[in-house]
Amino acid sequence: MKQIANTVKYSGMRKAVGKKMEVSGNYPMSYQGIYVDVTDLLDFRKKVNAEKNVNLTVNDYIIKAVSLSLQRVPIMNSAFSEDMKQIEIYESCNISVMTASEKGLVAPVIKDSQNKTIFEISSEMKELVFKANAGTLTPDDYADGTFGVTNIGKLNSFDSVPLPLPPEPAIMTACTAKKMPVAMDDDTIAVRMMMKLVIGGDHRILDGVPLAQFINSMKELLEAPEVLIKE
């Protein structure tokens, strides 16, 4: 006989997200992954935070890089029309950021990220996390997402098979960065901080080409973080 130690109520945001995720398991998915050298990014982040007296997180850099990459590969920022007769490509990059709050998993949205600097994204993300932990997110805070991001870097997890939050066509996971031996351009071996990115997309909309273009853009941007501060 199974003895129940405790129960967790299946309601609210947990249930709302769960119901959406039931849909995402019913269509074909395509996945790709890539390793990104974040050694310079981690050093650059510390330098910028000290010089500008700010607290940009690694996730802020990731979100900014996602925003730029969506503009480079527009089909990644799309969804089916309601009648399923066409694919609609959006001008607005509305990034759903999966957040493990004190109230459970939520996905607040950074809207129109294409028009925001990394500093504006950082400030807005901190506000959304505060509201998530306080349980004061409004329906507008998590509405109209066009692409999903989840960062499991703090969970000591080195791989992922993420599922998008419908109707978003894709989601990208940033896994835990770890030290790895890397063959450099001069054929020497160096120990670098490497982070795996995994992109999962609705195969009805996205095939391997845009997925590869997107994560290669992410690699390029995160390995040259100065660009993320300027744009």
Protein backbone atom coordinates (compact mmCIF):
# COMPACT_ATOMS: atom_id res chain seq x y z
CA MET A 1 0.00 0.00 0.00
CA LYS A 2 1.30 3.46 -0.89
CA GLN A 3 1.45 5.95 1.96
CA ILE A 4 0.88 9.62 0.99
CA ALA A 5 3.28 11.98 2.75
CA ASN A 6 1.90 15.23 1.37
CA THR A 7 -0.11 16.74 -1.48
CA VAL A 8 0.43 19.68 -3.81
CA LYS A 9 -2.67 21.37 -5.16
CA TYR A 10 -2.93 21.26 -8.97
CA SER A 11 -4.43 24.67 -9.65
CA GLY A 12 -3.68 28.24 -10.64
CA MET A 13 -0.61 28.86 -12.80
CA ARG A 14 0.67 25.30 -12.31
CA LYS A 15 -2.53 23.91 -13.84
CA ALA A 16 -2.69 26.58 -16.57
CA VAL A 17 0.87 25.82 -17.70
CA GLY A 18 0.23 22.09 -17.42
CA LYS A 19 -2.83 22.27 -19.66
CA LYS A 20 -0.88 24.18 -22.30
CA MET A 21 1.97 21.68 -22.16
CA GLU A 22 -0.45 18.82 -22.84
CA VAL A 23 -0.91 20.31 -26.31
CA SER A 24 2.82 20.60 -27.01
CA GLY A 25 3.26 16.85 -26.56
CA ASN A 26 0.89 16.12 -29.45
CA TYR A 27 2.91 17.47 -32.38
CA PRO A 28 6.31 16.51 -33.87
CA MET A 29 9.35 18.18 -32.38
CA SER A 30 12.83 18.80 -33.75
CA TYR A 31 15.88 19.43 -31.55
CA GLN A 32 19.41 20.73 -31.95
CA GLY A 33 22.14 21.56 -29.47
CA ILE A 34 25.41 23.48 -29.48
CA TYR A 35 28.20 24.23 -27.01
CA VAL A 36 28.97 27.88 -26.37
CA ASP A 37 32.22 29.12 -24.83
CA VAL A 38 31.01 31.53 -22.12
CA THR A 39 34.42 32.15 -20.52
CA ASP A 40 34.68 35.67 -21.92
CA LEU A 41 30.99 36.36 -21.25
CA LEU A 42 31.38 35.60 -17.54
CA ASP A 43 34.43 37.88 -17.28
CA PHE A 44 32.75 40.61 -19.35
CA ARG A 45 29.64 40.50 -17.19
CA LYS A 46 31.68 41.08 -14.03
CA LYS A 47 33.54 43.97 -15.68
CA VAL A 48 30.35 45.70 -16.90
CA ASN A 49 28.57 45.25 -13.57
CA ALA A 50 31.51 46.82 -11.72
CA GLU A 51 32.05 49.69 -14.16
CA LYS A 52 28.39 50.62 -14.53
CA ASN A 53 27.25 49.67 -11.02
CA VAL A 54 24.57 47.36 -12.37
CA ASN A 55 23.63 43.72 -11.80
CA LEU A 56 23.21 42.18 -15.23
CA THR A 57 22.71 38.43 -14.99
CA VAL A 58 23.84 35.79 -17.44
CA ASN A 59 20.16 35.33 -18.22
CA ASP A 60 19.90 38.99 -19.25
CA TYR A 61 22.64 38.40 -21.84
CA ILE A 62 20.86 35.26 -23.02
CA ILE A 63 17.53 37.05 -23.43
CA LYS A 64 19.17 39.91 -25.34
CA ALA A 65 20.96 37.42 -27.62
CA VAL A 66 17.66 35.60 -28.19
CA SER A 67 16.00 38.87 -29.20
CA LEU A 68 18.72 39.63 -31.76
CA SER A 69 18.71 36.04 -33.05
CA LEU A 70 14.94 36.12 -33.58
CA GLN A 71 15.41 39.18 -35.78
CA ARG A 72 18.08 37.36 -37.76
CA VAL A 73 15.90 34.25 -38.21
CA PRO A 74 12.31 35.60 -38.35
CA ILE A 75 10.57 32.23 -38.85
CA MET A 76 11.61 31.36 -35.29
CA ASN A 77 9.26 34.14 -34.13
CA SER A 78 6.03 32.79 -35.59
CA ALA A 79 2.94 30.66 -35.01
CA PHE A 80 0.04 29.10 -36.88
CA SER A 81 -2.97 31.29 -37.57
CA GLU A 82 -6.10 30.30 -35.68
CA ASP A 83 -7.51 28.48 -38.73
CA MET A 84 -4.16 26.63 -39.23
CA LYS A 85 -4.05 27.78 -42.87
CA GLN A 86 -0.92 29.91 -42.64
CA ILE A 87 2.11 30.67 -40.50
CA GLU A 88 2.20 34.17 -39.06
CA ILE A 89 5.62 35.75 -38.55
CA TYR A 90 5.58 38.38 -35.82
CA GLU A 91 7.28 41.75 -35.79
CA SER A 92 7.27 41.86 -31.99
CA CYS A 93 9.72 39.59 -30.17
CA ASN A 94 7.83 38.64 -27.01
CA ILE A 95 10.06 36.32 -25.01
CA SER A 96 8.48 34.00 -22.43
CA VAL A 97 11.04 33.41 -19.71
CA MET A 98 10.38 30.26 -17.68
CA THR A 99 10.83 31.27 -14.05
CA ALA A 100 10.86 29.02 -10.98
CA SER A 101 9.22 31.39 -8.53
CA GLU A 102 8.23 30.83 -4.92
CA LYS A 103 4.68 30.34 -6.23
CA GLY A 104 5.68 27.71 -8.80
CA LEU A 105 6.74 27.70 -12.44
CA VAL A 106 5.57 30.77 -14.36
CA ALA A 107 6.44 32.25 -17.74
CA PRO A 108 6.33 36.06 -17.68
CA VAL A 109 6.91 37.75 -21.03
CA ILE A 110 9.43 40.42 -22.01
CA LYS A 111 7.38 42.16 -24.69
CA ASP A 112 8.86 43.96 -27.72
CA SER A 113 12.36 42.96 -26.66
CA GLN A 114 13.65 43.99 -30.09
CA ASN A 115 13.24 47.61 -28.99
CA LYS A 116 14.94 47.24 -25.58
CA THR A 117 18.54 47.46 -24.43
CA ILE A 118 20.01 44.77 -22.21
CA PHE A 119 19.71 47.18 -19.28
CA GLU A 120 15.98 47.68 -19.92
CA ILE A 121 15.52 43.92 -20.28
CA SER A 122 17.36 43.35 -16.99
CA SER A 123 15.26 45.89 -15.12
CA GLU A 124 12.00 44.50 -16.49
CA MET A 125 13.02 40.92 -15.76
CA LYS A 126 13.81 41.75 -12.14
CA GLU A 127 10.40 43.38 -11.78
CA LEU A 128 8.67 40.34 -13.26
CA VAL A 129 10.57 37.95 -10.97
CA PHE A 130 9.60 40.09 -7.97
CA LYS A 131 5.94 39.97 -9.01
CA ALA A 132 6.17 36.22 -9.66
CA ASN A 133 7.52 35.57 -6.16
CA ALA A 134 4.87 37.84 -4.66
CA GLY A 135 2.12 36.13 -6.65
CA THR A 136 1.07 39.42 -8.26
CA LEU A 137 1.68 38.68 -11.95
CA THR A 138 -1.26 39.81 -14.07
CA PRO A 139 -2.60 37.92 -17.12
CA ASP A 140 -0.96 40.58 -19.30
CA ASP A 141 2.44 39.77 -17.76
CA TYR A 142 2.43 36.28 -19.29
CA ALA A 143 0.30 36.88 -22.40
CA ASP A 144 1.28 37.00 -26.08
CA GLY A 145 4.61 35.18 -25.88
CA THR A 146 6.17 34.29 -29.24
CA PHE A 147 9.29 32.36 -28.14
CA GLY A 148 10.34 30.58 -24.95
CA VAL A 149 13.55 30.63 -22.92
CA THR A 150 14.46 28.55 -19.89
CA ASN A 151 17.72 28.70 -17.97
CA ILE A 152 18.54 25.66 -15.84
CA GLY A 153 22.06 26.82 -15.08
CA LYS A 154 21.50 26.87 -11.31
CA LEU A 155 20.18 23.30 -11.28
CA ASN A 156 23.48 21.58 -12.12
CA SER A 157 21.85 20.14 -15.25
CA PHE A 158 23.88 19.71 -18.43
CA ASP A 159 21.25 18.70 -20.98
CA SER A 160 17.57 19.20 -21.68
CA VAL A 161 14.70 18.23 -23.99
CA PRO A 162 12.45 21.32 -23.66
CA LEU A 163 8.86 21.62 -24.88
CA PRO A 164 7.47 24.93 -26.15
CA LEU A 165 4.54 26.63 -24.49
CA PRO A 166 1.85 26.69 -27.24
CA PRO A 167 1.21 28.56 -29.44
CA GLU A 168 4.92 29.48 -29.33
CA PRO A 169 6.77 27.36 -31.92
CA ALA A 170 10.08 26.97 -30.08
CA ILE A 171 11.92 27.10 -26.78
CA MET A 172 15.61 27.29 -25.96
CA THR A 173 17.26 25.90 -22.84
CA ALA A 174 20.52 27.25 -21.43
CA CYS A 175 22.14 24.47 -19.41
CA THR A 176 24.70 24.64 -16.60
CA ALA A 177 28.10 25.96 -17.66
CA LYS A 178 31.04 23.72 -16.78
CA LYS A 179 34.79 23.58 -17.31
CA MET A 180 35.77 21.51 -20.34
CA PRO A 181 38.98 20.94 -22.30
CA VAL A 182 38.65 22.70 -25.65
CA ALA A 183 40.80 22.53 -28.79
CA MET A 184 41.71 26.13 -29.65
CA ASP A 185 42.35 27.60 -33.11
CA ASP A 186 46.12 27.21 -32.63
CA ASP A 187 45.63 23.49 -31.85
CA THR A 188 46.42 23.92 -28.16
CA ILE A 189 44.11 22.60 -25.45
CA ALA A 190 42.62 25.04 -22.95
CA VAL A 191 40.15 24.68 -20.10
CA ARG A 192 37.11 26.84 -20.89
CA MET A 193 33.67 27.38 -19.38
CA MET A 194 31.26 25.75 -21.81
CA MET A 195 27.46 25.98 -21.78
CA LYS A 196 25.16 23.82 -23.85
CA LEU A 197 22.19 25.42 -25.59
CA VAL A 198 19.33 23.18 -26.71
CA ILE A 199 16.65 24.45 -29.07
CA GLY A 200 13.38 22.57 -29.54
CA GLY A 201 10.87 23.53 -32.21
CA ASP A 202 7.51 22.55 -33.65
CA HIS A 203 8.59 20.56 -36.72
CA ARG A 204 5.44 21.57 -38.59
CA ILE A 205 6.82 25.13 -38.69
CA LEU A 206 10.55 24.73 -38.11
CA ASP A 207 12.93 22.29 -39.73
CA GLY A 208 16.63 21.84 -39.04
CA VAL A 209 17.84 24.86 -41.00
CA PRO A 210 16.27 27.70 -38.96
CA LEU A 211 16.99 25.85 -35.73
CA ALA A 212 20.67 25.60 -36.68
CA GLN A 213 20.77 29.22 -37.85
CA PHE A 214 19.28 30.35 -34.56
CA ILE A 215 21.60 28.49 -32.19
CA ASN A 216 24.64 29.42 -34.28
CA SER A 217 23.57 33.05 -33.98
CA MET A 218 23.29 32.55 -30.22
CA LYS A 219 26.80 31.11 -30.10
CA GLU A 220 28.21 34.03 -32.12
CA LEU A 221 26.55 36.63 -29.90
CA LEU A 222 27.30 35.07 -26.53
CA GLU A 223 30.95 34.56 -27.49
CA ALA A 224 31.20 38.29 -28.40
CA PRO A 225 29.19 39.82 -25.52
CA GLU A 226 30.27 43.39 -26.29
CA VAL A 227 27.66 43.40 -29.08
CA LEU A 228 24.89 42.69 -26.58
CA ILE A 229 25.69 45.84 -24.64
CA LYS A 230 25.80 48.08 -27.71
CA GLU A 231 22.58 47.07 -29.46
